[in-house]
Every structure is written in structure tokens, then in C-alpha cells.
């Protein structure tokens, strides 16, 4: 499912226009991304939790040469599904 299909489904469920539904969907994702950028956790009951986690510096290999390299520390966003979502699966 892409954003257009998601907006169409939201519009049908809520009885709004696809344009308004797409604006709402994009706004929700923007807010989640902004919270993640600030290092905050976003919990949506019945759906799941988005959290920022640190990835430490680690050793790796250059696949082309086999040479050992150091991969810099970084941050990643992780998602943990809530029980309600897991039950639907």
C-alpha cells in the first residue's frame, strides 16, 4: 500500500475527500518524524511504538576489496508492534 492508496482508504472510512485524507496522513507521518528527530518516543495505543535507538560504532568490511573499515555510530528508528496489531496478523 502506498500513500495514495492509504489516503483513499482513509477517505472512504471517514467520509472525507481524498485530498483532505492525504493531508491528514502526511501530517501524522510528519509529526512522527519530527518527534523522532527530537529523540522522543511516539506510542500509538493498539498500533505500536516508534523509538529512536543508538547504533554504536562497529567494524565492517568493504565488499569490493575485503578491507576492514569502521562504520560510524548512528541513530535508527525502531518500531515495536502493539498487541492489538500483532493479534490482527
PDB file of N, CA and C in Angstrom:
ATOM      1  N   UNK A   1       0.858  -1.172   0.000  1.00  0.00           N
ATOM      2  CA  UNK A   1       0.000   0.000   0.000  1.00  0.00           C
ATOM      3  C   UNK A   1       0.912   1.246   0.000  1.00  0.00           C
ATOM      4  N   UNK A   2       0.616   2.190  -0.878  1.00  0.00           N
ATOM      5  CA  UNK A   2       1.369   3.441  -0.903  1.00  0.00           C
ATOM      6  C   UNK A   2       0.517   4.559  -0.293  1.00  0.00           C
ATOM      7  N   UNK A   3       1.049   5.768  -0.256  1.00  0.00           N
ATOM      8  CA  UNK A   3       0.341   6.866   0.409  1.00  0.00           C
ATOM      9  C   UNK A   3      -0.974   7.216  -0.281  1.00  0.00           C
ATOM     10  N   UNK A   4      -1.026   7.091  -1.594  1.00  0.00           N
ATOM     11  CA  UNK A   4      -2.266   7.363  -2.317  1.00  0.00           C
ATOM     12  C   UNK A   4      -3.356   6.372  -1.964  1.00  0.00           C
ATOM     13  N   UNK A   5      -2.990   5.091  -1.921  1.00  0.00           N
ATOM     14  CA  UNK A   5      -3.952   4.053  -1.546  1.00  0.00           C
ATOM     15  C   UNK A   5      -4.389   4.206  -0.091  1.00  0.00           C
ATOM     16  N   UNK A   6      -3.448   4.570   0.779  1.00  0.00           N
ATOM     17  CA  UNK A   6      -3.773   4.787   2.185  1.00  0.00           C
ATOM     18  C   UNK A   6      -4.737   5.958   2.332  1.00  0.00           C
ATOM     19  N   UNK A   7      -4.472   7.048   1.614  1.00  0.00           N
ATOM     20  CA  UNK A   7      -5.351   8.219   1.668  1.00  0.00           C
ATOM     21  C   UNK A   7      -6.740   7.877   1.144  1.00  0.00           C
ATOM     22  N   UNK A   8      -6.805   7.095   0.084  1.00  0.00           N
ATOM     23  CA  UNK A   8      -8.100   6.689  -0.483  1.00  0.00           C
ATOM     24  C   UNK A   8      -8.894   5.864   0.539  1.00  0.00           C
ATOM     25  N   UNK A   9      -8.217   4.960   1.231  1.00  0.00           N
ATOM     26  CA  UNK A   9      -8.866   4.131   2.238  1.00  0.00           C
ATOM     27  C   UNK A   9      -9.339   4.955   3.431  1.00  0.00           C
ATOM     28  N   UNK A  10      -8.502   5.903   3.865  1.00  0.00           N
ATOM     29  CA  UNK A  10      -8.880   6.783   4.981  1.00  0.00           C
ATOM     30  C   UNK A  10     -10.074   7.645   4.578  1.00  0.00           C
ATOM     31  N   UNK A  11     -10.057   8.162   3.364  1.00  0.00           N
ATOM     32  CA  UNK A  11     -11.168   8.993   2.877  1.00  0.00           C
ATOM     33  C   UNK A  11     -12.471   8.194   2.862  1.00  0.00           C
ATOM     34  N   UNK A  12     -12.414   6.954   2.409  1.00  0.00           N
ATOM     35  CA  UNK A  12     -13.612   6.125   2.361  1.00  0.00           C
ATOM     36  C   UNK A  12     -14.123   5.809   3.762  1.00  0.00           C
ATOM     37  N   UNK A  13     -13.218   5.580   4.685  1.00  0.00           N
ATOM     38  CA  UNK A  13     -13.600   5.241   6.060  1.00  0.00           C
ATOM     39  C   UNK A  13     -14.183   6.433   6.806  1.00  0.00           C
ATOM     40  N   UNK A  14     -13.603   7.618   6.570  1.00  0.00           N
ATOM     41  CA  UNK A  14     -14.023   8.801   7.321  1.00  0.00           C
ATOM     42  C   UNK A  14     -15.056   9.651   6.592  1.00  0.00           C
ATOM     43  N   UNK A  15     -15.297   9.395   5.324  1.00  0.00           N
ATOM     44  CA  UNK A  15     -16.255  10.179   4.565  1.00  0.00           C
ATOM     45  C   UNK A  15     -15.740  11.556   4.184  1.00  0.00           C
ATOM     46  N   UNK A  16     -14.422  11.686   4.065  1.00  0.00           N
ATOM     47  CA  UNK A  16     -13.819  12.955   3.653  1.00  0.00           C
ATOM     48  C   UNK A  16     -13.266  12.813   2.241  1.00  0.00           C
ATOM     49  N   UNK A  17     -12.760  13.920   1.720  1.00  0.00           N
ATOM     50  CA  UNK A  17     -12.173  13.868   0.380  1.00  0.00           C
ATOM     51  C   UNK A  17     -10.790  13.221   0.452  1.00  0.00           C
ATOM     52  N   UNK A  18     -10.347  12.683  -0.670  1.00  0.00           N
ATOM     53  CA  UNK A  18      -9.012  12.072  -0.726  1.00  0.00           C
ATOM     54  C   UNK A  18      -7.927  13.100  -0.456  1.00  0.00           C
ATOM     55  N   UNK A  19      -8.127  14.321  -0.908  1.00  0.00           N
ATOM     56  CA  UNK A  19      -7.150  15.385  -0.687  1.00  0.00           C
ATOM     57  C   UNK A  19      -6.993  15.665   0.800  1.00  0.00           C
ATOM     58  N   UNK A  20      -8.122  15.806   1.501  1.00  0.00           N
ATOM     59  CA  UNK A  20      -8.060  16.060   2.936  1.00  0.00           C
ATOM     60  C   UNK A  20      -7.465  14.875   3.686  1.00  0.00           C
ATOM     61  N   UNK A  21      -7.817  13.674   3.260  1.00  0.00           N
ATOM     62  CA  UNK A  21      -7.279  12.478   3.902  1.00  0.00           C
ATOM     63  C   UNK A  21      -5.770  12.382   3.701  1.00  0.00           C
ATOM     64  N   UNK A  22      -5.300  12.708   2.501  1.00  0.00           N
ATOM     65  CA  UNK A  22      -3.862  12.660   2.231  1.00  0.00           C
ATOM     66  C   UNK A  22      -3.134  13.694   3.076  1.00  0.00           C
ATOM     67  N   UNK A  23      -3.698  14.891   3.216  1.00  0.00           N
ATOM     68  CA  UNK A  23      -3.090  15.919   4.072  1.00  0.00           C
ATOM     69  C   UNK A  23      -2.980  15.421   5.506  1.00  0.00           C
ATOM     70  N   UNK A  24      -4.028  14.753   5.985  1.00  0.00           N
ATOM     71  CA  UNK A  24      -4.022  14.237   7.357  1.00  0.00           C
ATOM     72  C   UNK A  24      -2.973  13.140   7.532  1.00  0.00           C
ATOM     73  N   UNK A  25      -2.891  12.223   6.577  1.00  0.00           N
ATOM     74  CA  UNK A  25      -1.918  11.133   6.657  1.00  0.00           C
ATOM     75  C   UNK A  25      -0.496  11.691   6.636  1.00  0.00           C
ATOM     76  N   UNK A  26      -0.230  12.619   5.734  1.00  0.00           N
ATOM     77  CA  UNK A  26       1.097  13.225   5.649  1.00  0.00           C
ATOM     78  C   UNK A  26       1.420  13.972   6.945  1.00  0.00           C
ATOM     79  N   UNK A  27       0.440  14.663   7.515  1.00  0.00           N
ATOM     80  CA  UNK A  27       0.658  15.396   8.769  1.00  0.00           C
ATOM     81  C   UNK A  27       1.010  14.444   9.906  1.00  0.00           C
ATOM     82  N   UNK A  28       0.349  13.305   9.965  1.00  0.00           N
ATOM     83  CA  UNK A  28       0.650  12.316  11.017  1.00  0.00           C
ATOM     84  C   UNK A  28       2.087  11.821  10.870  1.00  0.00           C
ATOM     85  N   UNK A  29       2.480  11.457   9.661  1.00  0.00           N
ATOM     86  CA  UNK A  29       3.845  10.965   9.453  1.00  0.00           C
ATOM     87  C   UNK A  29       4.876  12.058   9.717  1.00  0.00           C
ATOM     88  N   UNK A  30       4.576  13.292   9.357  1.00  0.00           N
ATOM     89  CA  UNK A  30       5.480  14.410   9.641  1.00  0.00           C
ATOM     90  C   UNK A  30       5.674  14.585  11.147  1.00  0.00           C
ATOM     91  N   UNK A  31       4.598  14.466  11.906  1.00  0.00           N
ATOM     92  CA  UNK A  31       4.690  14.617  13.358  1.00  0.00           C
ATOM     93  C   UNK A  31       5.504  13.481  13.980  1.00  0.00           C
ATOM     94  N   UNK A  32       5.333  12.265  13.480  1.00  0.00           N
ATOM     95  CA  UNK A  32       6.123  11.140  13.968  1.00  0.00           C
ATOM     96  C   UNK A  32       7.597  11.368  13.657  1.00  0.00           C
ATOM     97  N   UNK A  33       7.903  11.818  12.451  1.00  0.00           N
ATOM     98  CA  UNK A  33       9.290  12.081  12.051  1.00  0.00           C
ATOM     99  C   UNK A  33       9.894  13.206  12.883  1.00  0.00           C
ATOM    100  N   UNK A  34       9.134  14.269  13.140  1.00  0.00           N
ATOM    101  CA  UNK A  34       9.635  15.386  13.951  1.00  0.00           C
ATOM    102  C   UNK A  34       9.927  14.933  15.376  1.00  0.00           C
ATOM    103  N   UNK A  35       9.051  14.119  15.945  1.00  0.00           N
ATOM    104  CA  UNK A  35       9.269  13.607  17.302  1.00  0.00           C
ATOM    105  C   UNK A  35      10.511  12.718  17.336  1.00  0.00           C
ATOM    106  N   UNK A  36      10.682  11.884  16.325  1.00  0.00           N
ATOM    107  CA  UNK A  36      11.865  11.019  16.260  1.00  0.00           C
ATOM    108  C   UNK A  36      13.137  11.855  16.149  1.00  0.00           C
ATOM    109  N   UNK A  37      13.097  12.935  15.370  1.00  0.00           N
ATOM    110  CA  UNK A  37      14.258  13.808  15.222  1.00  0.00           C
ATOM    111  C   UNK A  37      14.642  14.453  16.549  1.00  0.00           C
ATOM    112  N   UNK A  38      13.640  14.677  17.419  1.00  0.00           N
ATOM    113  CA  UNK A  38      13.910  15.238  18.745  1.00  0.00           C
ATOM    114  C   UNK A  38      14.304  14.159  19.756  1.00  0.00           C
ATOM    115  N   UNK A  39      14.292  12.896  19.318  1.00  0.00           N
ATOM    116  CA  UNK A  39      14.653  11.796  20.199  1.00  0.00           C
ATOM    117  C   UNK A  39      13.512  11.309  21.071  1.00  0.00           C
ATOM    118  N   UNK A  40      12.292  11.728  20.752  1.00  0.00           N
ATOM    119  CA  UNK A  40      11.131  11.330  21.543  1.00  0.00           C
ATOM    120  C   UNK A  40      10.543  10.022  21.034  1.00  0.00           C
ATOM    121  N   UNK A  41       9.854   9.333  21.930  1.00  0.00           N
ATOM    122  CA  UNK A  41       9.157   8.105  21.588  1.00  0.00           C
ATOM    123  C   UNK A  41       7.711   8.452  21.228  1.00  0.00           C
ATOM    124  N   UNK A  42       7.162   7.791  20.214  1.00  0.00           N
ATOM    125  CA  UNK A  42       5.771   8.002  19.831  1.00  0.00           C
ATOM    126  C   UNK A  42       5.040   6.672  20.020  1.00  0.00           C
ATOM    127  N   UNK A  43       4.079   6.666  20.928  1.00  0.00           N
ATOM    128  CA  UNK A  43       3.311   5.457  21.202  1.00  0.00           C
ATOM    129  C   UNK A  43       1.875   5.661  20.732  1.00  0.00           C
ATOM    130  N   UNK A  44       1.385   4.741  19.918  1.00  0.00           N
ATOM    131  CA  UNK A  44       0.017   4.782  19.417  1.00  0.00           C
ATOM    132  C   UNK A  44      -0.677   3.529  19.939  1.00  0.00           C
ATOM    133  N   UNK A  45      -1.557   3.685  20.930  1.00  0.00           N
ATOM    134  CA  UNK A  45      -2.210   2.517  21.539  1.00  0.00           C
ATOM    135  C   UNK A  45      -2.917   1.646  20.499  1.00  0.00           C
ATOM    136  N   UNK A  46      -2.700   0.354  20.597  1.00  0.00           N
ATOM    137  CA  UNK A  46      -3.316  -0.585  19.681  1.00  0.00           C
ATOM    138  C   UNK A  46      -2.572  -0.746  18.374  1.00  0.00           C
ATOM    139  N   UNK A  47      -1.584   0.103  18.119  1.00  0.00           N
ATOM    140  CA  UNK A  47      -0.822   0.017  16.879  1.00  0.00           C
ATOM    141  C   UNK A  47       0.639  -0.308  17.156  1.00  0.00           C
ATOM    142  N   UNK A  48       1.331   0.568  17.903  1.00  0.00           N
ATOM    143  CA  UNK A  48       2.727   0.301  18.205  1.00  0.00           C
ATOM    144  C   UNK A  48       3.461   1.522  18.700  1.00  0.00           C
ATOM    145  N   UNK A  49       4.780   1.369  18.790  1.00  0.00           N
ATOM    146  CA  UNK A  49       5.625   2.404  19.351  1.00  0.00           C
ATOM    147  C   UNK A  49       6.834   2.637  18.443  1.00  0.00           C
ATOM    148  N   UNK A  50       7.100   3.892  18.136  1.00  0.00           N
ATOM    149  CA  UNK A  50       8.280   4.295  17.388  1.00  0.00           C
ATOM    150  C   UNK A  50       9.277   4.863  18.389  1.00  0.00           C
ATOM    151  N   UNK A  51      10.522   4.392  18.348  1.00  0.00           N
ATOM    152  CA  UNK A  51      11.539   4.875  19.271  1.00  0.00           C
ATOM    153  C   UNK A  51      12.861   5.040  18.529  1.00  0.00           C
ATOM    154  N   UNK A  52      13.674   5.991  18.979  1.00  0.00           N
ATOM    155  CA  UNK A  52      14.986   6.220  18.396  1.00  0.00           C
ATOM    156  C   UNK A  52      16.004   5.427  19.207  1.00  0.00           C
ATOM    157  N   UNK A  53      16.839   4.667  18.516  1.00  0.00           N
ATOM    158  CA  UNK A  53      17.871   3.871  19.181  1.00  0.00           C
ATOM    159  C   UNK A  53      19.225   4.235  18.604  1.00  0.00           C
ATOM    160  N   UNK A  54      20.242   4.155  19.466  1.00  0.00           N
ATOM    161  CA  UNK A  54      21.609   4.424  19.035  1.00  0.00           C
ATOM    162  C   UNK A  54      22.242   3.153  18.483  1.00  0.00           C
ATOM    163  N   UNK A  55      22.954   3.301  17.380  1.00  0.00           N
ATOM    164  CA  UNK A  55      23.744   2.198  16.826  1.00  0.00           C
ATOM    165  C   UNK A  55      25.199   2.545  17.077  1.00  0.00           C
ATOM    166  N   UNK A  56      25.909   1.747  17.853  1.00  0.00           N
ATOM    167  CA  UNK A  56      27.301   2.078  18.167  1.00  0.00           C
ATOM    168  C   UNK A  56      28.219   1.911  16.955  1.00  0.00           C
ATOM    169  N   UNK A  57      29.395   2.528  17.061  1.00  0.00           N
ATOM    170  CA  UNK A  57      30.404   2.363  16.023  1.00  0.00           C
ATOM    171  C   UNK A  57      30.786   0.885  15.968  1.00  0.00           C
ATOM    172  N   UNK A  58      31.031   0.371  14.758  1.00  0.00           N
ATOM    173  CA  UNK A  58      31.360  -1.038  14.637  1.00  0.00           C
ATOM    174  C   UNK A  58      32.306  -1.264  13.466  1.00  0.00           C
ATOM    175  N   UNK A  59      32.911  -2.431  13.449  1.00  0.00           N
ATOM    176  CA  UNK A  59      33.807  -2.809  12.362  1.00  0.00           C
ATOM    177  C   UNK A  59      33.009  -3.471  11.251  1.00  0.00           C
ATOM    178  N   UNK A  60      33.411  -3.223  10.026  1.00  0.00           N
ATOM    179  CA  UNK A  60      32.773  -3.834   8.872  1.00  0.00           C
ATOM    180  C   UNK A  60      33.810  -4.132   7.812  1.00  0.00           C
ATOM    181  N   UNK A  61      33.365  -4.592   6.682  1.00  0.00           N
ATOM    182  CA  UNK A  61      34.267  -4.895   5.572  1.00  0.00           C
ATOM    183  C   UNK A  61      33.755  -4.232   4.305  1.00  0.00           C
ATOM    184  N   UNK A  62      34.687  -3.714   3.522  1.00  0.00           N
ATOM    185  CA  UNK A  62      34.363  -3.180   2.209  1.00  0.00           C
ATOM    186  C   UNK A  62      34.106  -4.391   1.310  1.00  0.00           C
ATOM    187  N   UNK A  63      32.887  -4.536   0.766  1.00  0.00           N
ATOM    188  CA  UNK A  63      32.595  -5.733  -0.029  1.00  0.00           C
ATOM    189  C   UNK A  63      33.413  -5.841  -1.316  1.00  0.00           C
ATOM    190  N   UNK A  64      33.867  -4.721  -1.823  1.00  0.00           N
ATOM    191  CA  UNK A  64      34.626  -4.757  -3.077  1.00  0.00           C
ATOM    192  C   UNK A  64      36.072  -5.202  -2.849  1.00  0.00           C
ATOM    193  N   UNK A  65      36.680  -4.751  -1.749  1.00  0.00           N
ATOM    194  CA  UNK A  65      38.095  -5.036  -1.526  1.00  0.00           C
ATOM    195  C   UNK A  65      38.345  -5.992  -0.370  1.00  0.00           C
ATOM    196  N   UNK A  66      37.357  -6.156   0.497  1.00  0.00           N
ATOM    197  CA  UNK A  66      37.548  -7.003   1.674  1.00  0.00           C
ATOM    198  C   UNK A  66      38.283  -6.287   2.791  1.00  0.00           C
ATOM    199  N   UNK A  67      38.612  -5.032   2.572  1.00  0.00           N
ATOM    200  CA  UNK A  67      39.352  -4.243   3.552  1.00  0.00           C
ATOM    201  C   UNK A  67      38.462  -3.936   4.764  1.00  0.00           C
ATOM    202  N   UNK A  68      39.068  -4.003   5.961  1.00  0.00           N
ATOM    203  CA  UNK A  68      38.330  -3.688   7.188  1.00  0.00           C
ATOM    204  C   UNK A  68      38.100  -2.180   7.255  1.00  0.00           C
ATOM    205  N   UNK A  69      36.868  -1.787   7.618  1.00  0.00           N
ATOM    206  CA  UNK A  69      36.538  -0.371   7.774  1.00  0.00           C
ATOM    207  C   UNK A  69      35.765  -0.187   9.074  1.00  0.00           C
ATOM    208  N   UNK A  70      35.733   1.043   9.534  1.00  0.00           N
ATOM    209  CA  UNK A  70      34.953   1.369  10.718  1.00  0.00           C
ATOM    210  C   UNK A  70      33.674   2.050  10.273  1.00  0.00           C
ATOM    211  N   UNK A  71      32.547   1.509  10.709  1.00  0.00           N
ATOM    212  CA  UNK A  71      31.247   2.091  10.386  1.00  0.00           C
ATOM    213  C   UNK A  71      30.887   3.018  11.540  1.00  0.00           C
ATOM    214  N   UNK A  72      30.604   4.270  11.220  1.00  0.00           N
ATOM    215  CA  UNK A  72      30.355   5.289  12.242  1.00  0.00           C
ATOM    216  C   UNK A  72      29.089   4.993  13.046  1.00  0.00           C
ATOM    217  N   UNK A  73      29.061   5.508  14.265  1.00  0.00           N
ATOM    218  CA  UNK A  73      27.868   5.406  15.103  1.00  0.00           C
ATOM    219  C   UNK A  73      26.740   6.188  14.438  1.00  0.00           C
ATOM    220  N   UNK A  74      25.509   5.736  14.651  1.00  0.00           N
ATOM    221  CA  UNK A  74      24.362   6.416  14.055  1.00  0.00           C
ATOM    222  C   UNK A  74      23.133   6.167  14.911  1.00  0.00           C
ATOM    223  N   UNK A  75      22.038   6.744  14.492  1.00  0.00           N
ATOM    224  CA  UNK A  75      20.763   6.539  15.163  1.00  0.00           C
ATOM    225  C   UNK A  75      19.814   5.877  14.175  1.00  0.00           C
ATOM    226  N   UNK A  76      18.867   5.119  14.704  1.00  0.00           N
ATOM    227  CA  UNK A  76      17.867   4.499  13.846  1.00  0.00           C
ATOM    228  C   UNK A  76      16.521   4.582  14.534  1.00  0.00           C
ATOM    229  N   UNK A  77      15.464   4.511  13.746  1.00  0.00           N
ATOM    230  CA  UNK A  77      14.111   4.493  14.292  1.00  0.00           C
ATOM    231  C   UNK A  77      13.660   3.043  14.289  1.00  0.00           C
ATOM    232  N   UNK A  78      13.196   2.591  15.438  1.00  0.00           N
ATOM    233  CA  UNK A  78      12.687   1.226  15.520  1.00  0.00           C
ATOM    234  C   UNK A  78      11.184   1.273  15.781  1.00  0.00           C
ATOM    235  N   UNK A  79      10.508   0.236  15.348  1.00  0.00           N
ATOM    236  CA  UNK A  79       9.066   0.127  15.553  1.00  0.00           C
ATOM    237  C   UNK A  79       8.794  -1.164  16.281  1.00  0.00           C
ATOM    238  N   UNK A  80       8.001  -1.089  17.334  1.00  0.00           N
ATOM    239  CA  UNK A  80       7.563  -2.260  18.075  1.00  0.00           C
ATOM    240  C   UNK A  80       6.053  -2.325  17.975  1.00  0.00           C
ATOM    241  N   UNK A  81       5.551  -3.394  17.424  1.00  0.00           N
ATOM    242  CA  UNK A  81       4.098  -3.551  17.227  1.00  0.00           C
ATOM    243  C   UNK A  81       3.417  -3.796  18.566  1.00  0.00           C
ATOM    244  N   UNK A  82       2.250  -3.198  18.737  1.00  0.00           N
ATOM    245  CA  UNK A  82       1.437  -3.402  19.942  1.00  0.00           C
ATOM    246  C   UNK A  82       0.707  -4.728  19.830  1.00  0.00           C
ATOM    247  N   UNK A  83       0.207  -5.205  20.943  1.00  0.00           N
ATOM    248  CA  UNK A  83      -0.510  -6.480  20.981  1.00  0.00           C
ATOM    249  C   UNK A  83      -1.720  -6.465  20.042  1.00  0.00           C
ATOM    250  N   UNK A  84      -2.431  -5.349  19.978  1.00  0.00           N
ATOM    251  CA  UNK A  84      -3.599  -5.251  19.102  1.00  0.00           C
ATOM    252  C   UNK A  84      -3.231  -5.480  17.635  1.00  0.00           C
ATOM    253  N   UNK A  85      -2.109  -4.926  17.209  1.00  0.00           N
ATOM    254  CA  UNK A  85      -1.651  -5.109  15.832  1.00  0.00           C
ATOM    255  C   UNK A  85      -1.180  -6.550  15.620  1.00  0.00           C
ATOM    256  N   UNK A  86      -0.446  -7.088  16.578  1.00  0.00           N
ATOM    257  CA  UNK A  86       0.034  -8.471  16.457  1.00  0.00           C
ATOM    258  C   UNK A  86      -1.138  -9.444  16.365  1.00  0.00           C
ATOM    259  N   UNK A  87      -2.205  -9.175  17.122  1.00  0.00           N
ATOM    260  CA  UNK A  87      -3.372 -10.048  17.094  1.00  0.00           C
ATOM    261  C   UNK A  87      -4.061 -10.053  15.728  1.00  0.00           C
ATOM    262  N   UNK A  88      -4.011  -8.911  15.009  1.00  0.00           N
ATOM    263  CA  UNK A  88      -4.615  -8.843  13.679  1.00  0.00           C
ATOM    264  C   UNK A  88      -3.830  -9.639  12.645  1.00  0.00           C
ATOM    265  N   UNK A  89      -2.549  -9.836  12.923  1.00  0.00           N
ATOM    266  CA  UNK A  89      -1.713 -10.587  11.998  1.00  0.00           C
ATOM    267  C   UNK A  89      -1.947 -12.065  12.171  1.00  0.00           C
TER     268      UNK A  89
END
